[in-house]
PDB file of all heavy atoms in Angstrom:
ATOM      1  N   LYS A   1       0.805  -1.207   0.000  1.00  0.00           N
ATOM      2  CA  LYS A   1       0.000   0.000   0.000  1.00  0.00           C
ATOM      3  C   LYS A   1       0.850   1.274   0.000  1.00  0.00           C
ATOM      4  O   LYS A   1       0.483   2.276  -0.608  1.00  0.00           O
ATOM      5  CB  LYS A   1      -0.935   0.008   1.215  1.00  0.00           C
ATOM      6  CG  LYS A   1      -1.928  -1.141   1.263  1.00  0.00           C
ATOM      7  CD  LYS A   1      -2.849  -1.151   0.065  1.00  0.00           C
ATOM      8  CE  LYS A   1      -3.852  -0.012   0.084  1.00  0.00           C
ATOM      9  NZ  LYS A   1      -4.844  -0.112  -1.022  1.00  0.00           N
ATOM     10  N   ILE A   2       1.994   1.233   0.665  1.00  0.00           N
ATOM     11  CA  ILE A   2       2.890   2.398   0.673  1.00  0.00           C
ATOM     12  C   ILE A   2       3.396   2.684  -0.731  1.00  0.00           C
ATOM     13  O   ILE A   2       3.374   3.822  -1.204  1.00  0.00           O
ATOM     14  CB  ILE A   2       4.062   2.163   1.643  1.00  0.00           C
ATOM     15  CG1 ILE A   2       3.568   2.188   3.094  1.00  0.00           C
ATOM     16  CG2 ILE A   2       5.149   3.221   1.451  1.00  0.00           C
ATOM     17  CD1 ILE A   2       4.607   1.720   4.101  1.00  0.00           C
ATOM     18  N   GLU A   3       3.858   1.642  -1.415  1.00  0.00           N
ATOM     19  CA  GLU A   3       4.343   1.843  -2.785  1.00  0.00           C
ATOM     20  C   GLU A   3       3.214   2.315  -3.684  1.00  0.00           C
ATOM     21  O   GLU A   3       3.411   3.178  -4.555  1.00  0.00           O
ATOM     22  CB  GLU A   3       4.940   0.542  -3.327  1.00  0.00           C
ATOM     23  CG  GLU A   3       5.544   0.722  -4.718  1.00  0.00           C
ATOM     24  CD  GLU A   3       6.103  -0.545  -5.308  1.00  0.00           C
ATOM     25  OE1 GLU A   3       5.560  -1.630  -5.024  1.00  0.00           O
ATOM     26  OE2 GLU A   3       7.079  -0.461  -6.075  1.00  0.00           O
ATOM     27  N   GLN A   4       2.045   1.787  -3.479  1.00  0.00           N
ATOM     28  CA  GLN A   4       0.885   2.177  -4.274  1.00  0.00           C
ATOM     29  C   GLN A   4       0.591   3.661  -4.118  1.00  0.00           C
ATOM     30  O   GLN A   4       0.317   4.362  -5.091  1.00  0.00           O
ATOM     31  CB  GLN A   4      -0.316   1.343  -3.838  1.00  0.00           C
ATOM     32  CG  GLN A   4      -1.548   1.453  -4.727  1.00  0.00           C
ATOM     33  CD  GLN A   4      -2.661   0.556  -4.205  1.00  0.00           C
ATOM     34  OE1 GLN A   4      -3.159   0.757  -3.091  1.00  0.00           O
ATOM     35  NE2 GLN A   4      -3.046  -0.448  -4.984  1.00  0.00           N
ATOM     36  N   LYS A   5       0.668   4.167  -2.886  1.00  0.00           N
ATOM     37  CA  LYS A   5       0.329   5.564  -2.639  1.00  0.00           C
ATOM     38  C   LYS A   5       1.425   6.517  -3.106  1.00  0.00           C
ATOM     39  O   LYS A   5       1.163   7.519  -3.770  1.00  0.00           O
ATOM     40  CB  LYS A   5       0.075   5.774  -1.147  1.00  0.00           C
ATOM     41  CG  LYS A   5      -0.043   7.241  -0.779  1.00  0.00           C
ATOM     42  CD  LYS A   5      -1.099   7.521   0.228  1.00  0.00           C
ATOM     43  CE  LYS A   5      -1.281   9.026   0.376  1.00  0.00           C
ATOM     44  NZ  LYS A   5      -2.342   9.401   1.273  1.00  0.00           N
ATOM     45  N   ILE A   6       2.685   6.219  -2.749  1.00  0.00           N
ATOM     46  CA  ILE A   6       3.771   7.162  -3.038  1.00  0.00           C
ATOM     47  C   ILE A   6       4.212   7.097  -4.496  1.00  0.00           C
ATOM     48  O   ILE A   6       4.460   8.129  -5.133  1.00  0.00           O
ATOM     49  CB  ILE A   6       4.966   6.901  -2.107  1.00  0.00           C
ATOM     50  CG1 ILE A   6       4.573   7.177  -0.652  1.00  0.00           C
ATOM     51  CG2 ILE A   6       6.154   7.786  -2.482  1.00  0.00           C
ATOM     52  CD1 ILE A   6       5.682   6.933   0.342  1.00  0.00           C
ATOM     53  N   TYR A   7       4.301   5.884  -5.035  1.00  0.00           N
ATOM     54  CA  TYR A   7       4.880   5.707  -6.368  1.00  0.00           C
ATOM     55  C   TYR A   7       3.860   5.316  -7.432  1.00  0.00           C
ATOM     56  O   TYR A   7       4.209   5.167  -8.605  1.00  0.00           O
ATOM     57  CB  TYR A   7       6.003   4.664  -6.314  1.00  0.00           C
ATOM     58  CG  TYR A   7       7.152   5.090  -5.423  1.00  0.00           C
ATOM     59  CD1 TYR A   7       7.214   4.680  -4.095  1.00  0.00           C
ATOM     60  CD2 TYR A   7       8.153   5.928  -5.891  1.00  0.00           C
ATOM     61  CE1 TYR A   7       8.256   5.078  -3.262  1.00  0.00           C
ATOM     62  CE2 TYR A   7       9.204   6.333  -5.074  1.00  0.00           C
ATOM     63  CZ  TYR A   7       9.243   5.899  -3.754  1.00  0.00           C
ATOM     64  OH  TYR A   7      10.276   6.297  -2.938  1.00  0.00           O
ATOM     65  N   GLY A   8       2.595   5.115  -7.032  1.00  0.00           N
ATOM     66  CA  GLY A   8       1.551   4.806  -8.002  1.00  0.00           C
ATOM     67  C   GLY A   8       1.661   3.442  -8.632  1.00  0.00           C
ATOM     68  O   GLY A   8       1.141   3.211  -9.724  1.00  0.00           O
ATOM     69  N   HIS A   9       2.334   2.501  -7.947  1.00  0.00           N
ATOM     70  CA  HIS A   9       2.559   1.173  -8.517  1.00  0.00           C
ATOM     71  C   HIS A   9       1.949   0.121  -7.611  1.00  0.00           C
ATOM     72  O   HIS A   9       2.260   0.053  -6.423  1.00  0.00           O
ATOM     73  CB  HIS A   9       4.061   0.916  -8.674  1.00  0.00           C
ATOM     74  CG  HIS A   9       4.386  -0.442  -9.210  1.00  0.00           C
ATOM     75  ND1 HIS A   9       5.418  -1.226  -8.734  1.00  0.00           N
ATOM     76  CD2 HIS A   9       3.799  -1.172 -10.197  1.00  0.00           C
ATOM     77  CE1 HIS A   9       5.451  -2.365  -9.395  1.00  0.00           C
ATOM     78  NE2 HIS A   9       4.488  -2.351 -10.281  1.00  0.00           N
ATOM     79  N   SER A  10       1.063  -0.716  -8.158  1.00  0.00           N
ATOM     80  CA  SER A  10       0.455  -1.815  -7.404  1.00  0.00           C
ATOM     81  C   SER A  10       1.109  -3.121  -7.834  1.00  0.00           C
ATOM     82  O   SER A  10       0.753  -3.688  -8.865  1.00  0.00           O
ATOM     83  CB  SER A  10      -1.055  -1.872  -7.663  1.00  0.00           C
ATOM     84  OG  SER A  10      -1.684  -0.673  -7.266  1.00  0.00           O
ATOM     85  N   ASP A  11       2.057  -3.583  -7.051  1.00  0.00           N
ATOM     86  CA  ASP A  11       2.839  -4.767  -7.418  1.00  0.00           C
ATOM     87  C   ASP A  11       2.106  -6.032  -6.965  1.00  0.00           C
ATOM     88  O   ASP A  11       2.426  -6.646  -5.945  1.00  0.00           O
ATOM     89  CB  ASP A  11       4.224  -4.688  -6.784  1.00  0.00           C
ATOM     90  CG  ASP A  11       5.179  -5.728  -7.358  1.00  0.00           C
ATOM     91  OD1 ASP A  11       4.710  -6.671  -8.017  1.00  0.00           O
ATOM     92  OD2 ASP A  11       6.400  -5.608  -7.135  1.00  0.00           O
ATOM     93  N   ARG A  12       1.113  -6.445  -7.736  1.00  0.00           N
ATOM     94  CA  ARG A  12       0.309  -7.618  -7.379  1.00  0.00           C
ATOM     95  C   ARG A  12       1.125  -8.910  -7.432  1.00  0.00           C
ATOM     96  O   ARG A  12       0.846  -9.856  -6.692  1.00  0.00           O
ATOM     97  CB  ARG A  12      -0.912  -7.723  -8.292  1.00  0.00           C
ATOM     98  CG  ARG A  12      -1.979  -6.687  -7.977  1.00  0.00           C
ATOM     99  CD  ARG A  12      -3.176  -6.823  -8.904  1.00  0.00           C
ATOM    100  NE  ARG A  12      -4.207  -5.856  -8.543  1.00  0.00           N
ATOM    101  CZ  ARG A  12      -5.175  -6.086  -7.669  1.00  0.00           C
ATOM    102  NH1 ARG A  12      -5.240  -7.261  -7.073  1.00  0.00           N
ATOM    103  NH2 ARG A  12      -6.064  -5.153  -7.383  1.00  0.00           N
ATOM    104  N   ALA A  13       2.113  -8.954  -8.313  1.00  0.00           N
ATOM    105  CA  ALA A  13       2.943 -10.161  -8.392  1.00  0.00           C
ATOM    106  C   ALA A  13       3.662 -10.391  -7.068  1.00  0.00           C
ATOM    107  O   ALA A  13       3.720 -11.513  -6.555  1.00  0.00           O
ATOM    108  CB  ALA A  13       3.936 -10.041  -9.534  1.00  0.00           C
ATOM    109  N   PHE A  14       4.225  -9.317  -6.512  1.00  0.00           N
ATOM    110  CA  PHE A  14       4.866  -9.414  -5.196  1.00  0.00           C
ATOM    111  C   PHE A  14       3.853  -9.838  -4.139  1.00  0.00           C
ATOM    112  O   PHE A  14       4.110 -10.753  -3.345  1.00  0.00           O
ATOM    113  CB  PHE A  14       5.483  -8.063  -4.830  1.00  0.00           C
ATOM    114  CG  PHE A  14       5.629  -7.819  -3.354  1.00  0.00           C
ATOM    115  CD1 PHE A  14       6.616  -8.463  -2.623  1.00  0.00           C
ATOM    116  CD2 PHE A  14       4.770  -6.938  -2.691  1.00  0.00           C
ATOM    117  CE1 PHE A  14       6.740  -8.242  -1.254  1.00  0.00           C
ATOM    118  CE2 PHE A  14       4.889  -6.717  -1.335  1.00  0.00           C
ATOM    119  CZ  PHE A  14       5.882  -7.365  -0.609  1.00  0.00           C
ATOM    120  N   LEU A  15       2.697  -9.191  -4.124  1.00  0.00           N
ATOM    121  CA  LEU A  15       1.683  -9.464  -3.108  1.00  0.00           C
ATOM    122  C   LEU A  15       1.226 -10.923  -3.173  1.00  0.00           C
ATOM    123  O   LEU A  15       1.121 -11.604  -2.146  1.00  0.00           O
ATOM    124  CB  LEU A  15       0.495  -8.522  -3.305  1.00  0.00           C
ATOM    125  CG  LEU A  15      -0.557  -8.498  -2.203  1.00  0.00           C
ATOM    126  CD1 LEU A  15       0.026  -7.935  -0.919  1.00  0.00           C
ATOM    127  CD2 LEU A  15      -1.768  -7.673  -2.641  1.00  0.00           C
ATOM    128  N   GLU A  16       0.980 -11.410  -4.372  1.00  0.00           N
ATOM    129  CA  GLU A  16       0.476 -12.770  -4.534  1.00  0.00           C
ATOM    130  C   GLU A  16       1.547 -13.807  -4.212  1.00  0.00           C
ATOM    131  O   GLU A  16       1.268 -14.828  -3.579  1.00  0.00           O
ATOM    132  CB  GLU A  16      -0.045 -12.966  -5.955  1.00  0.00           C
ATOM    133  CG  GLU A  16      -0.727 -14.301  -6.180  1.00  0.00           C
ATOM    134  CD  GLU A  16      -1.455 -14.370  -7.515  1.00  0.00           C
ATOM    135  OE1 GLU A  16      -1.241 -13.476  -8.362  1.00  0.00           O
ATOM    136  OE2 GLU A  16      -2.233 -15.322  -7.702  1.00  0.00           O
ATOM    137  N   ARG A  17       2.773 -13.528  -4.632  1.00  0.00           N
ATOM    138  CA  ARG A  17       3.858 -14.483  -4.398  1.00  0.00           C
ATOM    139  C   ARG A  17       4.092 -14.690  -2.895  1.00  0.00           C
ATOM    140  O   ARG A  17       4.183 -15.826  -2.414  1.00  0.00           O
ATOM    141  CB  ARG A  17       5.144 -13.997  -5.069  1.00  0.00           C
ATOM    142  CG  ARG A  17       6.317 -14.955  -4.929  1.00  0.00           C
ATOM    143  CD  ARG A  17       7.472 -14.553  -5.832  1.00  0.00           C
ATOM    144  NE  ARG A  17       7.952 -13.211  -5.548  1.00  0.00           N
ATOM    145  CZ  ARG A  17       7.796 -12.183  -6.380  1.00  0.00           C
ATOM    146  NH1 ARG A  17       7.183 -12.347  -7.543  1.00  0.00           N
ATOM    147  NH2 ARG A  17       8.260 -10.998  -6.068  1.00  0.00           N
ATOM    148  N   VAL A  18       4.158 -13.594  -2.150  1.00  0.00           N
ATOM    149  CA  VAL A  18       4.386 -13.716  -0.710  1.00  0.00           C
ATOM    150  C   VAL A  18       3.161 -14.318  -0.023  1.00  0.00           C
ATOM    151  O   VAL A  18       3.282 -15.144   0.888  1.00  0.00           O
ATOM    152  CB  VAL A  18       4.742 -12.348  -0.106  1.00  0.00           C
ATOM    153  CG1 VAL A  18       4.913 -12.458   1.407  1.00  0.00           C
ATOM    154  CG2 VAL A  18       6.016 -11.793  -0.731  1.00  0.00           C
ATOM    155  N   PHE A  19       1.960 -13.942  -0.471  1.00  0.00           N
ATOM    156  CA  PHE A  19       0.731 -14.460   0.126  1.00  0.00           C
ATOM    157  C   PHE A  19       0.666 -15.983   0.027  1.00  0.00           C
ATOM    158  O   PHE A  19       0.299 -16.668   0.989  1.00  0.00           O
ATOM    159  CB  PHE A  19      -0.480 -13.830  -0.567  1.00  0.00           C
ATOM    160  CG  PHE A  19      -1.807 -14.310  -0.048  1.00  0.00           C
ATOM    161  CD1 PHE A  19      -2.323 -13.826   1.142  1.00  0.00           C
ATOM    162  CD2 PHE A  19      -2.549 -15.247  -0.756  1.00  0.00           C
ATOM    163  CE1 PHE A  19      -3.547 -14.270   1.621  1.00  0.00           C
ATOM    164  CE2 PHE A  19      -3.774 -15.699  -0.290  1.00  0.00           C
ATOM    165  CZ  PHE A  19      -4.276 -15.203   0.901  1.00  0.00           C
ATOM    166  N   GLN A  20       1.041 -16.503  -1.133  1.00  0.00           N
ATOM    167  CA  GLN A  20       0.995 -17.959  -1.326  1.00  0.00           C
ATOM    168  C   GLN A  20       1.883 -18.672  -0.305  1.00  0.00           C
ATOM    169  O   GLN A  20       1.505 -19.701   0.267  1.00  0.00           O
ATOM    170  CB  GLN A  20       1.450 -18.315  -2.745  1.00  0.00           C
ATOM    171  CG  GLN A  20       0.530 -17.819  -3.848  1.00  0.00           C
ATOM    172  CD  GLN A  20      -0.706 -18.690  -4.014  1.00  0.00           C
ATOM    173  OE1 GLN A  20      -0.838 -19.714  -3.366  1.00  0.00           O
ATOM    174  NE2 GLN A  20      -1.611 -18.283  -4.882  1.00  0.00           N
ATOM    175  N   LYS A  21       3.071 -18.141  -0.066  1.00  0.00           N
ATOM    176  CA  LYS A  21       3.981 -18.776   0.887  1.00  0.00           C
ATOM    177  C   LYS A  21       3.522 -18.551   2.324  1.00  0.00           C
ATOM    178  O   LYS A  21       3.744 -19.403   3.201  1.00  0.00           O
ATOM    179  CB  LYS A  21       5.406 -18.236   0.688  1.00  0.00           C
ATOM    180  CG  LYS A  21       5.976 -18.475  -0.701  1.00  0.00           C
ATOM    181  CD  LYS A  21       6.033 -19.952  -1.054  1.00  0.00           C
ATOM    182  CE  LYS A  21       7.161 -20.671  -0.375  1.00  0.00           C
ATOM    183  NZ  LYS A  21       8.486 -20.280  -0.899  1.00  0.00           N
ATOM    184  N   LEU A  22       2.880 -17.419   2.590  1.00  0.00           N
ATOM    185  CA  LEU A  22       2.404 -17.159   3.946  1.00  0.00           C
ATOM    186  C   LEU A  22       1.256 -18.092   4.332  1.00  0.00           C
ATOM    187  O   LEU A  22       1.026 -18.341   5.522  1.00  0.00           O
ATOM    188  CB  LEU A  22       1.978 -15.697   4.099  1.00  0.00           C
ATOM    189  CG  LEU A  22       3.127 -14.685   4.147  1.00  0.00           C
ATOM    190  CD1 LEU A  22       2.585 -13.266   4.256  1.00  0.00           C
ATOM    191  CD2 LEU A  22       4.084 -14.979   5.304  1.00  0.00           C
ATOM    192  N   MET A  23       0.535 -18.608   3.354  1.00  0.00           N
ATOM    193  CA  MET A  23      -0.488 -19.594   3.691  1.00  0.00           C
ATOM    194  C   MET A  23       0.147 -20.846   4.292  1.00  0.00           C
ATOM    195  O   MET A  23      -0.424 -21.481   5.182  1.00  0.00           O
ATOM    196  CB  MET A  23      -1.331 -19.931   2.456  1.00  0.00           C
ATOM    197  CG  MET A  23      -2.300 -18.810   2.079  1.00  0.00           C
ATOM    198  SD  MET A  23      -3.614 -19.337   0.969  1.00  0.00           S
ATOM    199  CE  MET A  23      -2.693 -19.628  -0.531  1.00  0.00           C
ATOM    200  N   LEU A  24       1.357 -21.209   3.825  1.00  0.00           N
ATOM    201  CA  LEU A  24       2.087 -22.316   4.441  1.00  0.00           C
ATOM    202  C   LEU A  24       2.466 -21.971   5.870  1.00  0.00           C
ATOM    203  O   LEU A  24       2.357 -22.798   6.783  1.00  0.00           O
ATOM    204  CB  LEU A  24       3.345 -22.641   3.630  1.00  0.00           C
ATOM    205  CG  LEU A  24       3.161 -23.078   2.177  1.00  0.00           C
ATOM    206  CD1 LEU A  24       4.525 -23.270   1.518  1.00  0.00           C
ATOM    207  CD2 LEU A  24       2.350 -24.360   2.104  1.00  0.00           C
ATOM    208  N   ASN A  25       2.941 -20.742   6.056  1.00  0.00           N
ATOM    209  CA  ASN A  25       3.342 -20.322   7.391  1.00  0.00           C
ATOM    210  C   ASN A  25       2.149 -20.262   8.340  1.00  0.00           C
ATOM    211  O   ASN A  25       2.251 -20.661   9.509  1.00  0.00           O
ATOM    212  CB  ASN A  25       4.022 -18.949   7.318  1.00  0.00           C
ATOM    213  CG  ASN A  25       4.447 -18.435   8.675  1.00  0.00           C
ATOM    214  OD1 ASN A  25       3.900 -17.451   9.181  1.00  0.00           O
ATOM    215  ND2 ASN A  25       5.424 -19.080   9.277  1.00  0.00           N
ATOM    216  N   PHE A  26       1.006 -19.795   7.857  1.00  0.00           N
ATOM    217  CA  PHE A  26      -0.197 -19.740   8.686  1.00  0.00           C
ATOM    218  C   PHE A  26      -0.585 -21.152   9.137  1.00  0.00           C
ATOM    219  O   PHE A  26      -0.923 -21.382  10.305  1.00  0.00           O
ATOM    220  CB  PHE A  26      -1.342 -19.095   7.902  1.00  0.00           C
ATOM    221  CG  PHE A  26      -2.584 -18.878   8.722  1.00  0.00           C
ATOM    222  CD1 PHE A  26      -2.773 -17.693   9.420  1.00  0.00           C
ATOM    223  CD2 PHE A  26      -3.567 -19.855   8.797  1.00  0.00           C
ATOM    224  CE1 PHE A  26      -3.915 -17.486  10.179  1.00  0.00           C
ATOM    225  CE2 PHE A  26      -4.715 -19.669   9.557  1.00  0.00           C
ATOM    226  CZ  PHE A  26      -4.887 -18.480  10.255  1.00  0.00           C
ATOM    227  N   THR A  27      -0.506 -22.098   8.220  1.00  0.00           N
ATOM    228  CA  THR A  27      -0.832 -23.487   8.546  1.00  0.00           C
ATOM    229  C   THR A  27       0.132 -24.037   9.588  1.00  0.00           C
ATOM    230  O   THR A  27      -0.265 -24.778  10.496  1.00  0.00           O
ATOM    231  CB  THR A  27      -0.805 -24.353   7.280  1.00  0.00           C
ATOM    232  OG1 THR A  27      -1.720 -23.810   6.319  1.00  0.00           O
ATOM    233  CG2 THR A  27      -1.191 -25.786   7.585  1.00  0.00           C
ATOM    234  N   TRP A  28       1.419 -23.673   9.475  1.00  0.00           N
ATOM    235  CA  TRP A  28       2.396 -24.101  10.480  1.00  0.00           C
ATOM    236  C   TRP A  28       1.983 -23.601  11.857  1.00  0.00           C
ATOM    237  O   TRP A  28       2.028 -24.348  12.844  1.00  0.00           O
ATOM    238  CB  TRP A  28       3.786 -23.569  10.116  1.00  0.00           C
ATOM    239  CG  TRP A  28       4.809 -23.859  11.180  1.00  0.00           C
ATOM    240  CD1 TRP A  28       5.525 -25.010  11.332  1.00  0.00           C
ATOM    241  CD2 TRP A  28       5.197 -23.002  12.258  1.00  0.00           C
ATOM    242  NE1 TRP A  28       6.345 -24.927  12.437  1.00  0.00           N
ATOM    243  CE2 TRP A  28       6.169 -23.702  13.024  1.00  0.00           C
ATOM    244  CE3 TRP A  28       4.835 -21.717  12.650  1.00  0.00           C
ATOM    245  CZ2 TRP A  28       6.766 -23.149  14.156  1.00  0.00           C
ATOM    246  CZ3 TRP A  28       5.422 -21.169  13.781  1.00  0.00           C
ATOM    247  CH2 TRP A  28       6.378 -21.881  14.520  1.00  0.00           C
ATOM    248  N   TRP A  29       1.583 -22.343  11.953  1.00  0.00           N
ATOM    249  CA  TRP A  29       1.148 -21.788  13.231  1.00  0.00           C
ATOM    250  C   TRP A  29      -0.037 -22.578  13.790  1.00  0.00           C
ATOM    251  O   TRP A  29      -0.060 -22.943  14.966  1.00  0.00           O
ATOM    252  CB  TRP A  29       0.758 -20.317  13.055  1.00  0.00           C
ATOM    253  CG  TRP A  29       1.876 -19.375  13.331  1.00  0.00           C
ATOM    254  CD1 TRP A  29       2.786 -18.885  12.442  1.00  0.00           C
ATOM    255  CD2 TRP A  29       2.215 -18.799  14.594  1.00  0.00           C
ATOM    256  NE1 TRP A  29       3.665 -18.040  13.062  1.00  0.00           N
ATOM    257  CE2 TRP A  29       3.332 -17.964  14.397  1.00  0.00           C
ATOM    258  CE3 TRP A  29       1.683 -18.903  15.870  1.00  0.00           C
ATOM    259  CZ2 TRP A  29       3.923 -17.241  15.424  1.00  0.00           C
ATOM    260  CZ3 TRP A  29       2.274 -18.179  16.903  1.00  0.00           C
ATOM    261  CH2 TRP A  29       3.377 -17.370  16.679  1.00  0.00           C
ATOM    262  N   VAL A  30      -1.020 -22.815  12.959  1.00  0.00           N
ATOM    263  CA  VAL A  30      -2.229 -23.504  13.427  1.00  0.00           C
ATOM    264  C   VAL A  30      -1.902 -24.914  13.906  1.00  0.00           C
ATOM    265  O   VAL A  30      -2.415 -25.384  14.931  1.00  0.00           O
ATOM    266  CB  VAL A  30      -3.289 -23.540  12.307  1.00  0.00           C
ATOM    267  CG1 VAL A  30      -4.460 -24.429  12.702  1.00  0.00           C
ATOM    268  CG2 VAL A  30      -3.777 -22.122  11.999  1.00  0.00           C
ATOM    269  N   ASN A  31      -1.018 -25.609  13.184  1.00  0.00           N
ATOM    270  CA  ASN A  31      -0.707 -27.000  13.524  1.00  0.00           C
ATOM    271  C   ASN A  31       0.238 -27.136  14.713  1.00  0.00           C
ATOM    272  O   ASN A  31       0.199 -28.142  15.426  1.00  0.00           O
ATOM    273  CB  ASN A  31      -0.078 -27.704  12.320  1.00  0.00           C
ATOM    274  CG  ASN A  31      -1.080 -27.916  11.204  1.00  0.00           C
ATOM    275  OD1 ASN A  31      -2.278 -27.887  11.428  1.00  0.00           O
ATOM    276  ND2 ASN A  31      -0.578 -28.119   9.994  1.00  0.00           N
ATOM    277  N   ARG A  32       1.100 -26.136  14.941  1.00  0.00           N
ATOM    278  CA  ARG A  32       2.143 -26.279  15.943  1.00  0.00           C
ATOM    279  C   ARG A  32       1.865 -25.527  17.245  1.00  0.00           C
ATOM    280  O   ARG A  32       2.386 -25.896  18.290  1.00  0.00           O
ATOM    281  CB  ARG A  32       3.480 -25.764  15.375  1.00  0.00           C
ATOM    282  CG  ARG A  32       4.059 -26.604  14.255  1.00  0.00           C
ATOM    283  CD  ARG A  32       4.453 -28.002  14.752  1.00  0.00           C
ATOM    284  NE  ARG A  32       5.156 -28.761  13.737  1.00  0.00           N
ATOM    285  CZ  ARG A  32       6.479 -28.797  13.611  1.00  0.00           C
ATOM    286  NH1 ARG A  32       7.229 -28.101  14.441  1.00  0.00           N
ATOM    287  NH2 ARG A  32       7.039 -29.521  12.677  1.00  0.00           N
ATOM    288  N   LYS A  33       1.082 -24.463  17.210  1.00  0.00           N
ATOM    289  CA  LYS A  33       1.000 -23.577  18.366  1.00  0.00           C
ATOM    290  C   LYS A  33      -0.382 -23.500  18.996  1.00  0.00           C
ATOM    291  O   LYS A  33      -0.650 -22.626  19.810  1.00  0.00           O
ATOM    292  CB  LYS A  33       1.469 -22.162  17.956  1.00  0.00           C
ATOM    293  CG  LYS A  33       2.934 -22.127  17.516  1.00  0.00           C
ATOM    294  CD  LYS A  33       3.856 -22.624  18.620  1.00  0.00           C
ATOM    295  CE  LYS A  33       5.293 -22.737  18.159  1.00  0.00           C
ATOM    296  NZ  LYS A  33       6.172 -23.260  19.238  1.00  0.00           N
ATOM    297  N   ASP A  34      -1.271 -24.412  18.620  1.00  0.00           N
ATOM    298  CA  ASP A  34      -2.603 -24.491  19.226  1.00  0.00           C
ATOM    299  C   ASP A  34      -2.706 -25.867  19.895  1.00  0.00           C
ATOM    300  O   ASP A  34      -3.199 -26.830  19.310  1.00  0.00           O
ATOM    301  CB  ASP A  34      -3.672 -24.300  18.144  1.00  0.00           C
ATOM    302  CG  ASP A  34      -5.096 -24.379  18.688  1.00  0.00           C
ATOM    303  OD1 ASP A  34      -5.258 -24.463  19.928  1.00  0.00           O
ATOM    304  OD2 ASP A  34      -6.039 -24.364  17.886  1.00  0.00           O
ATOM    305  N   VAL A  35      -2.213 -25.955  21.148  1.00  0.00           N
ATOM    306  CA  VAL A  35      -2.021 -27.248  21.812  1.00  0.00           C
ATOM    307  C   VAL A  35      -3.300 -28.063  21.882  1.00  0.00           C
ATOM    308  O   VAL A  35      -3.319 -29.258  21.607  1.00  0.00           O
ATOM    309  CB  VAL A  35      -1.445 -27.019  23.234  1.00  0.00           C
ATOM    310  CG1 VAL A  35      -1.463 -28.321  24.036  1.00  0.00           C
ATOM    311  CG2 VAL A  35      -0.029 -26.480  23.132  1.00  0.00           C
ATOM    312  N   GLU A  36      -4.420 -27.408  22.253  1.00  0.00           N
ATOM    313  CA  GLU A  36      -5.662 -28.139  22.467  1.00  0.00           C
ATOM    314  C   GLU A  36      -6.620 -28.056  21.288  1.00  0.00           C
ATOM    315  O   GLU A  36      -7.744 -28.559  21.366  1.00  0.00           O
ATOM    316  CB  GLU A  36      -6.342 -27.614  23.738  1.00  0.00           C
ATOM    317  CG  GLU A  36      -5.500 -27.845  25.002  1.00  0.00           C
ATOM    318  CD  GLU A  36      -6.173 -27.313  26.248  1.00  0.00           C
ATOM    319  OE1 GLU A  36      -7.111 -26.477  26.110  1.00  0.00           O
ATOM    320  OE2 GLU A  36      -5.791 -27.715  27.353  1.00  0.00           O
ATOM    321  N   GLY A  37      -6.189 -27.416  20.194  1.00  0.00           N
ATOM    322  CA  GLY A  37      -7.045 -27.324  19.027  1.00  0.00           C
ATOM    323  C   GLY A  37      -8.288 -26.484  19.244  1.00  0.00           C
ATOM    324  O   GLY A  37      -9.321 -26.700  18.604  1.00  0.00           O
ATOM    325  N   LYS A  38      -8.190 -25.491  20.144  1.00  0.00           N
ATOM    326  CA  LYS A  38      -9.351 -24.664  20.470  1.00  0.00           C
ATOM    327  C   LYS A  38      -9.180 -23.210  20.020  1.00  0.00           C
ATOM    328  O   LYS A  38      -9.842 -22.306  20.520  1.00  0.00           O
ATOM    329  CB  LYS A  38      -9.606 -24.709  21.981  1.00  0.00           C
ATOM    330  CG  LYS A  38     -10.001 -26.094  22.489  1.00  0.00           C
ATOM    331  CD  LYS A  38     -10.260 -26.066  23.989  1.00  0.00           C
ATOM    332  CE  LYS A  38     -10.691 -27.441  24.497  1.00  0.00           C
ATOM    333  NZ  LYS A  38     -10.940 -27.445  25.964  1.00  0.00           N
TER     334      LYS A  38
END
């Protein structure tokens, strides 16, 4: 959003690429850090 506002560029490729990998990281959190599954 900062780049979008200051430089007028919406880098969706960057946003999508990182988002895809963060879904793996989110799953790691859910599987490893929720002891009782609640």
